[in-house]
PDB file of N, CA and C in Angstrom:
ATOM      1  N   MET A   1      46.379 -51.969  -7.738  1.00  0.00           N
ATOM      2  CA  MET A   1      45.323 -50.996  -8.726  1.00  0.00           C
ATOM      3  C   MET A   1      44.230 -50.616  -7.346  1.00  0.00           C
ATOM      4  N   ARG A   2      43.947 -49.222  -7.714  1.00  0.00           N
ATOM      5  CA  ARG A   2      43.269 -48.303  -6.647  1.00  0.00           C
ATOM      6  C   ARG A   2      42.128 -48.559  -7.100  1.00  0.00           C
ATOM      7  N   MET A   3      41.086 -48.408  -6.057  1.00  0.00           N
ATOM      8  CA  MET A   3      39.826 -47.983  -6.217  1.00  0.00           C
ATOM      9  C   MET A   3      39.285 -46.966  -5.978  1.00  0.00           C
ATOM     10  N   CYS A   4      38.247 -46.216  -7.012  1.00  0.00           N
ATOM     11  CA  CYS A   4      38.305 -44.808  -7.069  1.00  0.00           C
ATOM     12  C   CYS A   4      37.641 -44.272  -6.052  1.00  0.00           C
ATOM     13  N   THR A   5      37.524 -43.620  -5.868  1.00  0.00           N
ATOM     14  CA  THR A   5      37.490 -42.815  -4.666  1.00  0.00           C
ATOM     15  C   THR A   5      35.543 -42.882  -4.145  1.00  0.00           C
ATOM     16  N   PRO A   6      34.973 -42.415  -4.989  1.00  0.00           N
ATOM     17  CA  PRO A   6      33.384 -42.671  -4.457  1.00  0.00           C
ATOM     18  C   PRO A   6      32.710 -44.310  -4.292  1.00  0.00           C
ATOM     19  N   ILE A   7      33.793 -45.389  -5.286  1.00  0.00           N
ATOM     20  CA  ILE A   7      32.802 -46.553  -5.055  1.00  0.00           C
ATOM     21  C   ILE A   7      33.345 -47.344  -3.425  1.00  0.00           C
ATOM     22  N   ARG A   8      34.572 -46.797  -3.170  1.00  0.00           N
ATOM     23  CA  ARG A   8      35.293 -47.136  -2.034  1.00  0.00           C
ATOM     24  C   ARG A   8      34.610 -46.375  -0.354  1.00  0.00           C
ATOM     25  N   GLY A   9      34.017 -44.903  -1.006  1.00  0.00           N
ATOM     26  CA  GLY A   9      33.376 -44.223   0.080  1.00  0.00           C
ATOM     27  C   GLY A   9      31.682 -45.049   0.151  1.00  0.00           C
ATOM     28  N   LEU A  10      31.545 -45.205  -1.031  1.00  0.00           N
ATOM     29  CA  LEU A  10      30.103 -46.005  -0.691  1.00  0.00           C
ATOM     30  C   LEU A  10      30.371 -47.514  -0.388  1.00  0.00           C
ATOM     31  N   LEU A  11      31.362 -48.225  -0.536  1.00  0.00           N
ATOM     32  CA  LEU A  11      31.465 -49.747   0.084  1.00  0.00           C
ATOM     33  C   LEU A  11      31.711 -49.346   1.761  1.00  0.00           C
ATOM     34  N   MET A  12      32.570 -48.566   2.016  1.00  0.00           N
ATOM     35  CA  MET A  12      32.517 -48.198   3.369  1.00  0.00           C
ATOM     36  C   MET A  12      31.388 -47.758   4.327  1.00  0.00           C
ATOM     37  N   ALA A  13      30.282 -47.109   3.497  1.00  0.00           N
ATOM     38  CA  ALA A  13      29.232 -46.411   4.161  1.00  0.00           C
ATOM     39  C   ALA A  13      28.383 -47.788   4.182  1.00  0.00           C
ATOM     40  N   LEU A  14      28.044 -48.442   3.079  1.00  0.00           N
ATOM     41  CA  LEU A  14      27.344 -49.490   3.404  1.00  0.00           C
ATOM     42  C   LEU A  14      28.208 -50.653   4.600  1.00  0.00           C
ATOM     43  N   ALA A  15      29.617 -50.763   4.690  1.00  0.00           N
ATOM     44  CA  ALA A  15      29.679 -51.600   5.988  1.00  0.00           C
ATOM     45  C   ALA A  15      29.695 -50.783   7.390  1.00  0.00           C
ATOM     46  N   VAL A  16      29.606 -49.661   7.107  1.00  0.00           N
ATOM     47  CA  VAL A  16      29.022 -49.030   8.436  1.00  0.00           C
ATOM     48  C   VAL A  16      27.704 -49.226   8.727  1.00  0.00           C
ATOM     49  N   MET A  17      27.007 -49.162   7.463  1.00  0.00           N
ATOM     50  CA  MET A  17      25.452 -49.378   7.847  1.00  0.00           C
ATOM     51  C   MET A  17      24.955 -50.928   7.974  1.00  0.00           C
ATOM     52  N   PHE A  18      25.645 -51.752   7.405  1.00  0.00           N
ATOM     53  CA  PHE A  18      25.474 -53.147   8.091  1.00  0.00           C
ATOM     54  C   PHE A  18      25.763 -53.528   9.559  1.00  0.00           C
ATOM     55  N   GLY A  19      27.112 -52.787   9.492  1.00  0.00           N
ATOM     56  CA  GLY A  19      27.481 -53.133  11.291  1.00  0.00           C
ATOM     57  C   GLY A  19      26.578 -52.576  12.011  1.00  0.00           C
ATOM     58  N   THR A  20      26.025 -51.442  11.712  1.00  0.00           N
ATOM     59  CA  THR A  20      24.924 -50.795  12.818  1.00  0.00           C
ATOM     60  C   THR A  20      23.555 -51.662  12.780  1.00  0.00           C
ATOM     61  N   ALA A  21      23.060 -52.103  11.475  1.00  0.00           N
ATOM     62  CA  ALA A  21      21.932 -53.214  11.504  1.00  0.00           C
ATOM     63  C   ALA A  21      22.495 -54.577  11.981  1.00  0.00           C
ATOM     64  N   MET A  22      23.499 -54.844  12.214  1.00  0.00           N
ATOM     65  CA  MET A  22      24.042 -56.407  13.044  1.00  0.00           C
ATOM     66  C   MET A  22      23.906 -56.106  14.397  1.00  0.00           C
ATOM     67  N   ALA A  23      24.094 -54.774  14.856  1.00  0.00           N
ATOM     68  CA  ALA A  23      24.354 -54.356  16.291  1.00  0.00           C
ATOM     69  C   ALA A  23      22.996 -54.653  16.836  1.00  0.00           C
ATOM     70  N   PHE A  24      21.648 -54.330  16.084  1.00  0.00           N
ATOM     71  CA  PHE A  24      20.243 -54.438  16.637  1.00  0.00           C
ATOM     72  C   PHE A  24      19.849 -55.133  16.128  1.00  0.00           C
ATOM     73  N   ALA A  25      20.554 -56.179  15.610  1.00  0.00           N
ATOM     74  CA  ALA A  25      18.970 -57.372  15.127  1.00  0.00           C
ATOM     75  C   ALA A  25      19.222 -58.200  16.358  1.00  0.00           C
ATOM     76  N   PRO A  26      17.997 -59.006  16.094  1.00  0.00           N
ATOM     77  CA  PRO A  26      17.853 -60.053  17.097  1.00  0.00           C
ATOM     78  C   PRO A  26      18.841 -61.280  17.381  1.00  0.00           C
ATOM     79  N   ILE A  27      19.476 -61.396  18.662  1.00  0.00           N
ATOM     80  CA  ILE A  27      20.175 -62.680  18.631  1.00  0.00           C
ATOM     81  C   ILE A  27      19.247 -63.986  18.790  1.00  0.00           C
ATOM     82  N   PRO A  28      19.723 -64.711  17.871  1.00  0.00           N
ATOM     83  CA  PRO A  28      19.057 -66.173  18.240  1.00  0.00           C
ATOM     84  C   PRO A  28      19.129 -67.026  19.093  1.00  0.00           C
ATOM     85  N   ARG A  29      18.243 -67.377  19.740  1.00  0.00           N
ATOM     86  CA  ARG A  29      17.992 -68.121  20.833  1.00  0.00           C
ATOM     87  C   ARG A  29      18.892 -69.819  20.538  1.00  0.00           C
ATOM     88  N   ILE A  30      19.519 -70.388  20.844  1.00  0.00           N
ATOM     89  CA  ILE A  30      20.039 -71.464  21.116  1.00  0.00           C
ATOM     90  C   ILE A  30      19.385 -72.482  21.922  1.00  0.00           C
ATOM     91  N   THR A  31      18.697 -72.101  23.170  1.00  0.00           N
ATOM     92  CA  THR A  31      17.643 -72.884  23.944  1.00  0.00           C
ATOM     93  C   THR A  31      16.561 -72.453  23.870  1.00  0.00           C
ATOM     94  N   TRP A  32      15.510 -73.113  24.715  1.00  0.00           N
ATOM     95  CA  TRP A  32      14.424 -72.627  25.173  1.00  0.00           C
ATOM     96  C   TRP A  32      13.933 -73.641  26.396  1.00  0.00           C
ATOM     97  N   GLU A  33      13.028 -72.919  27.154  1.00  0.00           N
ATOM     98  CA  GLU A  33      12.206 -73.684  28.153  1.00  0.00           C
ATOM     99  C   GLU A  33      11.120 -74.825  27.648  1.00  0.00           C
ATOM    100  N   HIS A  34      10.654 -75.691  28.066  1.00  0.00           N
ATOM    101  CA  HIS A  34       9.555 -77.078  27.540  1.00  0.00           C
ATOM    102  C   HIS A  34       8.020 -75.555  27.933  1.00  0.00           C
ATOM    103  N   ARG A  35       8.021 -74.981  28.536  1.00  0.00           N
ATOM    104  CA  ARG A  35       6.941 -74.557  28.966  1.00  0.00           C
ATOM    105  C   ARG A  35       6.537 -73.278  28.065  1.00  0.00           C
ATOM    106  N   GLU A  36       7.521 -73.139  27.332  1.00  0.00           N
ATOM    107  CA  GLU A  36       7.969 -71.420  26.490  1.00  0.00           C
ATOM    108  C   GLU A  36       7.194 -71.942  24.964  1.00  0.00           C
ATOM    109  N   VAL A  37       7.331 -73.114  24.910  1.00  0.00           N
ATOM    110  CA  VAL A  37       6.739 -73.816  23.692  1.00  0.00           C
ATOM    111  C   VAL A  37       5.455 -74.679  23.572  1.00  0.00           C
ATOM    112  N   ARG A  38       4.698 -75.089  22.945  1.00  0.00           N
ATOM    113  CA  ARG A  38       3.898 -75.809  22.964  1.00  0.00           C
ATOM    114  C   ARG A  38       4.093 -76.873  21.913  1.00  0.00           C
ATOM    115  N   LEU A  39       4.508 -78.220  22.346  1.00  0.00           N
ATOM    116  CA  LEU A  39       4.537 -79.470  21.824  1.00  0.00           C
ATOM    117  C   LEU A  39       3.968 -80.412  21.962  1.00  0.00           C
ATOM    118  N   VAL A  40       3.455 -81.387  21.098  1.00  0.00           N
ATOM    119  CA  VAL A  40       2.913 -82.407  21.624  1.00  0.00           C
ATOM    120  C   VAL A  40       3.883 -83.506  21.099  1.00  0.00           C
ATOM    121  N   GLN A  41       3.891 -84.009  22.045  1.00  0.00           N
ATOM    122  CA  GLN A  41       4.465 -85.422  22.459  1.00  0.00           C
ATOM    123  C   GLN A  41       3.632 -86.495  21.867  1.00  0.00           C
ATOM    124  N   PHE A  42       4.424 -87.516  21.170  1.00  0.00           N
ATOM    125  CA  PHE A  42       3.395 -88.735  20.738  1.00  0.00           C
ATOM    126  C   PHE A  42       4.136 -89.657  20.749  1.00  0.00           C
ATOM    127  N   HIS A  43       3.934 -90.725  20.764  1.00  0.00           N
ATOM    128  CA  HIS A  43       4.252 -92.058  20.274  1.00  0.00           C
ATOM    129  C   HIS A  43       3.648 -93.229  19.632  1.00  0.00           C
ATOM    130  N   GLU A  44       3.890 -93.782  18.786  1.00  0.00           N
ATOM    131  CA  GLU A  44       3.379 -94.930  17.929  1.00  0.00           C
ATOM    132  C   GLU A  44       4.395 -96.139  18.095  1.00  0.00           C
ATOM    133  N   PRO A  45       3.526 -97.309  18.528  1.00  0.00           N
ATOM    134  CA  PRO A  45       3.935 -98.362  18.547  1.00  0.00           C
ATOM    135  C   PRO A  45       5.232 -99.405  17.519  1.00  0.00           C
ATOM    136  N   ASP A  46       6.152 -99.639  17.117  1.00  0.00           N
ATOM    137  CA  ASP A  46       6.584 -99.585  15.907  1.00  0.00           C
ATOM    138  C   ASP A  46       6.999 -98.942  14.926  1.00  0.00           C
ATOM    139  N   ILE A  47       6.865 -97.624  15.227  1.00  0.00           N
ATOM    140  CA  ILE A  47       6.971 -96.698  14.469  1.00  0.00           C
ATOM    141  C   ILE A  47       8.047 -95.825  15.150  1.00  0.00           C
ATOM    142  N   TYR A  48       9.146 -96.116  13.818  1.00  0.00           N
ATOM    143  CA  TYR A  48      10.606 -94.955  13.837  1.00  0.00           C
ATOM    144  C   TYR A  48      10.917 -93.943  13.173  1.00  0.00           C
ATOM    145  N   ASN A  49      10.082 -94.000  12.158  1.00  0.00           N
ATOM    146  CA  ASN A  49      10.254 -92.917  10.935  1.00  0.00           C
ATOM    147  C   ASN A  49       8.626 -91.867  11.132  1.00  0.00           C
ATOM    148  N   TYR A  50       8.872 -91.273  12.067  1.00  0.00           N
ATOM    149  CA  TYR A  50       7.591 -90.088  12.383  1.00  0.00           C
ATOM    150  C   TYR A  50       7.523 -89.361  11.161  1.00  0.00           C
ATOM    151  N   SER A  51       8.332 -89.042  10.337  1.00  0.00           N
ATOM    152  CA  SER A  51       7.991 -88.408   8.690  1.00  0.00           C
ATOM    153  C   SER A  51       7.142 -89.015   7.993  1.00  0.00           C
ATOM    154  N   ALA A  52       7.389 -90.688   7.974  1.00  0.00           N
ATOM    155  CA  ALA A  52       6.628 -91.483   7.014  1.00  0.00           C
ATOM    156  C   ALA A  52       5.093 -91.571   7.436  1.00  0.00           C
ATOM    157  N   LEU A  53       5.183 -91.405   8.782  1.00  0.00           N
ATOM    158  CA  LEU A  53       4.020 -91.392   9.618  1.00  0.00           C
ATOM    159  C   LEU A  53       3.223 -90.221   9.019  1.00  0.00           C
ATOM    160  N   LEU A  54       3.918 -88.982   9.619  1.00  0.00           N
ATOM    161  CA  LEU A  54       3.034 -87.984   8.743  1.00  0.00           C
ATOM    162  C   LEU A  54       2.671 -87.842   7.830  1.00  0.00           C
ATOM    163  N   LEU A  55       3.261 -88.373   6.744  1.00  0.00           N
ATOM    164  CA  LEU A  55       2.813 -88.431   5.245  1.00  0.00           C
ATOM    165  C   LEU A  55       2.064 -89.606   4.947  1.00  0.00           C
ATOM    166  N   SER A  56       1.642 -90.211   5.847  1.00  0.00           N
ATOM    167  CA  SER A  56       0.382 -91.707   6.158  1.00  0.00           C
ATOM    168  C   SER A  56      -0.714 -91.077   5.702  1.00  0.00           C
ATOM    169  N   GLU A  57      -1.753 -91.737   4.684  1.00  0.00           N
ATOM    170  CA  GLU A  57      -3.110 -91.169   4.761  1.00  0.00           C
ATOM    171  C   GLU A  57      -4.021 -91.884   5.078  1.00  0.00           C
ATOM    172  N   ASN A  58      -3.343 -93.217   6.072  1.00  0.00           N
ATOM    173  CA  ASN A  58      -4.400 -93.640   7.170  1.00  0.00           C
ATOM    174  C   ASN A  58      -4.571 -93.367   8.353  1.00  0.00           C
ATOM    175  N   LYS A  59      -3.334 -92.301   9.112  1.00  0.00           N
ATOM    176  CA  LYS A  59      -3.683 -92.262  10.184  1.00  0.00           C
ATOM    177  C   LYS A  59      -3.639 -90.685  10.306  1.00  0.00           C
TER     178      LYS A  59
END
């Protein structure tokens, strides 16, 4: 089954445009330096599930 020429041309143009957009897209970083982000480190005794601590109304 042959694809009609206008659709084929449209698909090729979209593929080129998508490829160009991806070439200039920012590359996600996998690593980060500790000084680059502002993290707060904390520890509560006997707490192992910190998501429960964050949801707690007592703290």
